Protein backbone atom coordinates (compact mmCIF):
# COMPACT_ATOMS: atom_id res chain seq x y z
CA MET A 1 80.81 188.67 -70.19
CA LYS A 2 81.21 185.04 -71.21
CA LYS A 3 84.20 182.72 -71.38
CA VAL A 4 85.07 180.42 -74.28
CA TYR A 5 88.04 178.14 -74.88
CA ARG A 6 90.15 177.24 -77.91
CA TYR A 7 93.55 176.08 -79.10
CA GLU A 8 95.48 178.55 -81.23
CA ILE A 9 98.89 179.71 -82.38
CA GLN A 10 99.88 183.08 -80.89
CA GLU A 11 100.84 184.62 -84.22
CA THR A 12 99.37 186.40 -87.18
CA ILE A 13 100.48 184.76 -90.38
CA ASP A 14 100.17 185.57 -94.04
CA SER A 15 98.84 182.53 -95.82
CA PHE A 16 99.10 183.15 -99.55
CA GLY A 17 97.87 186.73 -99.17
CA VAL A 18 95.24 186.00 -96.51
CA GLU A 19 95.92 187.17 -92.97
CA LEU A 20 95.29 184.48 -90.37
CA VAL A 21 95.14 185.85 -86.84
CA ASN A 22 95.80 183.25 -84.14
CA PRO A 23 95.01 180.24 -86.35
CA GLY A 24 93.51 177.19 -84.70
CA PRO A 25 94.23 173.49 -85.28
CA TYR A 26 92.12 173.29 -88.44
CA THR A 27 93.43 176.49 -90.07
CA ALA A 28 97.14 176.44 -89.16
CA ASN A 29 97.71 173.95 -92.00
CA ARG A 30 97.52 176.81 -94.49
CA GLY A 31 100.87 178.29 -93.55
CA GLY A 32 103.33 175.46 -94.01
CA THR A 33 106.73 175.14 -92.42
CA TRP A 34 107.10 178.75 -91.40
CA ILE A 35 104.45 178.39 -88.69
CA PHE A 36 106.00 175.47 -86.85
CA GLY A 37 109.46 175.19 -88.33
CA GLU A 38 110.66 172.28 -90.37
CA ASP A 39 111.30 170.13 -87.30
CA LYS A 40 107.58 170.09 -86.42
CA GLU A 41 106.01 170.32 -89.86
CA GLU A 42 105.73 166.57 -90.43
CA LYS A 43 104.34 165.99 -86.92
CA TYR A 44 101.71 168.68 -87.48
CA ILE A 45 100.69 167.27 -90.87
CA GLU A 46 100.24 163.81 -89.30
CA LEU A 47 98.29 165.30 -86.39
CA TYR A 48 96.11 167.38 -88.71
CA ASP A 49 95.36 164.41 -90.97
CA GLU A 50 94.46 162.24 -87.96
CA MET A 51 92.20 164.96 -86.50
CA CYS A 52 90.42 165.35 -89.82
CA ARG A 53 89.85 161.59 -90.08
CA LYS A 54 88.54 161.28 -86.52
CA HIS A 55 86.57 164.52 -86.59
CA SER A 56 84.61 163.92 -89.76
CA GLY A 57 80.92 163.23 -89.22
CA SER A 58 78.15 164.42 -86.97
CA SER A 59 80.13 164.18 -83.72
CA HIS A 60 82.40 167.02 -84.93
CA PRO A 61 80.36 169.27 -87.25
CA THR A 62 82.20 171.79 -89.40
CA ARG A 63 81.64 175.45 -88.69
CA GLY A 64 79.34 175.57 -91.73
CA GLU A 65 77.29 172.57 -90.58
CA ASP A 66 77.04 174.24 -87.16
CA ARG A 67 75.79 177.46 -88.77
CA LEU A 68 78.69 179.51 -87.42
CA GLY A 69 79.56 181.13 -90.74
CA TYR A 70 83.03 181.65 -92.10
CA ASP A 71 84.06 185.33 -92.13
CA ASP A 72 85.68 186.78 -89.02
CA ILE A 73 84.54 183.93 -86.79
CA PHE A 74 86.83 182.22 -84.31
CA CYS A 75 85.63 178.75 -83.34
CA ALA A 76 85.78 177.76 -79.68
CA CYS A 77 83.99 175.66 -77.09
CA PRO A 78 81.74 177.11 -74.40
CA THR A 79 83.54 175.28 -71.57
CA LEU A 80 87.01 173.91 -70.98
CA LYS A 81 85.47 170.47 -70.49
CA ASP A 82 83.82 170.71 -73.93
CA LEU A 83 87.12 171.69 -75.55
CA LYS A 84 88.98 168.79 -73.94
CA LYS A 85 86.21 166.43 -75.07
CA TRP A 86 86.24 167.83 -78.64
CA PHE A 87 89.99 167.26 -78.90
CA LYS A 88 90.09 164.02 -76.90
CA GLY A 89 93.31 162.21 -77.78
CA PHE A 90 94.75 165.40 -79.30
CA ASN A 91 94.99 167.78 -76.31
CA LYS A 92 98.59 166.98 -75.36
CA PRO A 93 99.86 166.65 -78.96
CA LEU A 94 98.42 170.08 -79.81
CA ILE A 95 100.24 171.68 -76.88
CA ASP A 96 103.43 169.74 -77.67
CA ILE A 97 103.48 170.97 -81.26
CA GLY A 98 103.03 174.63 -80.29
CA PHE A 99 99.36 175.42 -79.84
CA ASN A 100 98.24 177.31 -76.75
CA LEU A 101 95.12 176.59 -74.75
CA VAL A 102 93.42 179.98 -74.47
CA GLU A 103 90.52 181.27 -72.39
CA TYR A 104 88.77 184.21 -74.06
CA ARG A 105 86.47 186.63 -72.29
CA VAL A 106 83.94 187.82 -74.85
CA LYS A 107 80.92 190.11 -74.90
CA THR A 108 78.90 187.54 -76.79
CA PHE A 109 79.18 184.39 -78.87
CA VAL A 110 76.95 182.31 -81.12
CA MET A 111 76.34 178.70 -80.12
CA GLY A 112 76.48 176.19 -82.94
CA VAL A 113 73.35 174.17 -83.64
CA SER A 114 75.12 171.05 -82.35
CA GLY A 115 75.65 172.67 -78.93
CA LYS A 116 79.28 171.49 -79.05
CA GLN A 117 81.08 174.54 -80.38
CA CYS A 118 80.55 178.26 -80.61
CA GLY A 119 81.87 181.17 -82.59
CA PHE A 120 82.89 184.70 -81.68
CA ARG A 121 84.19 187.76 -83.47
CA ARG A 122 87.47 189.53 -82.77
CA GLU A 123 85.65 192.77 -81.94
CA ASP A 124 83.73 190.99 -79.15
CA VAL A 125 86.93 190.01 -77.28
CA ILE A 126 87.27 191.67 -73.88
CA GLY A 127 90.45 189.82 -72.95
CA LYS A 128 92.26 186.51 -73.14
CA LYS A 129 94.45 184.37 -70.94
CA ILE A 130 96.83 181.65 -72.09
CA LEU A 131 96.20 178.60 -69.87
CA ALA A 132 98.80 176.28 -71.42
């Protein structure tokens, strides 16, 4: 068993016909106001735009650049320290807007080529615990 860490919304949403299970900070933008409610929508859009600006480039590779694939893969970090570093400057705002910090126990995961993030499949989840 291994542990991995990620931020996510504790909901399954229908995003234009595509089911998003527990979307993370980079995928929650697909749902619009009905994820966060109108009172938080603008704050999330600003936060998302700022994350995308700061996370572009080699220090924050996309899941494709990290060879994690796209289908059925949840992105995470192999340690809590790595997650906090990845989202430096965004940890508190993510929690404030409605994301949960989650520890997953998984059978296995694939480490990205950057060594900064990993991916796991839903069927490999043994359990999860919401930390914040």
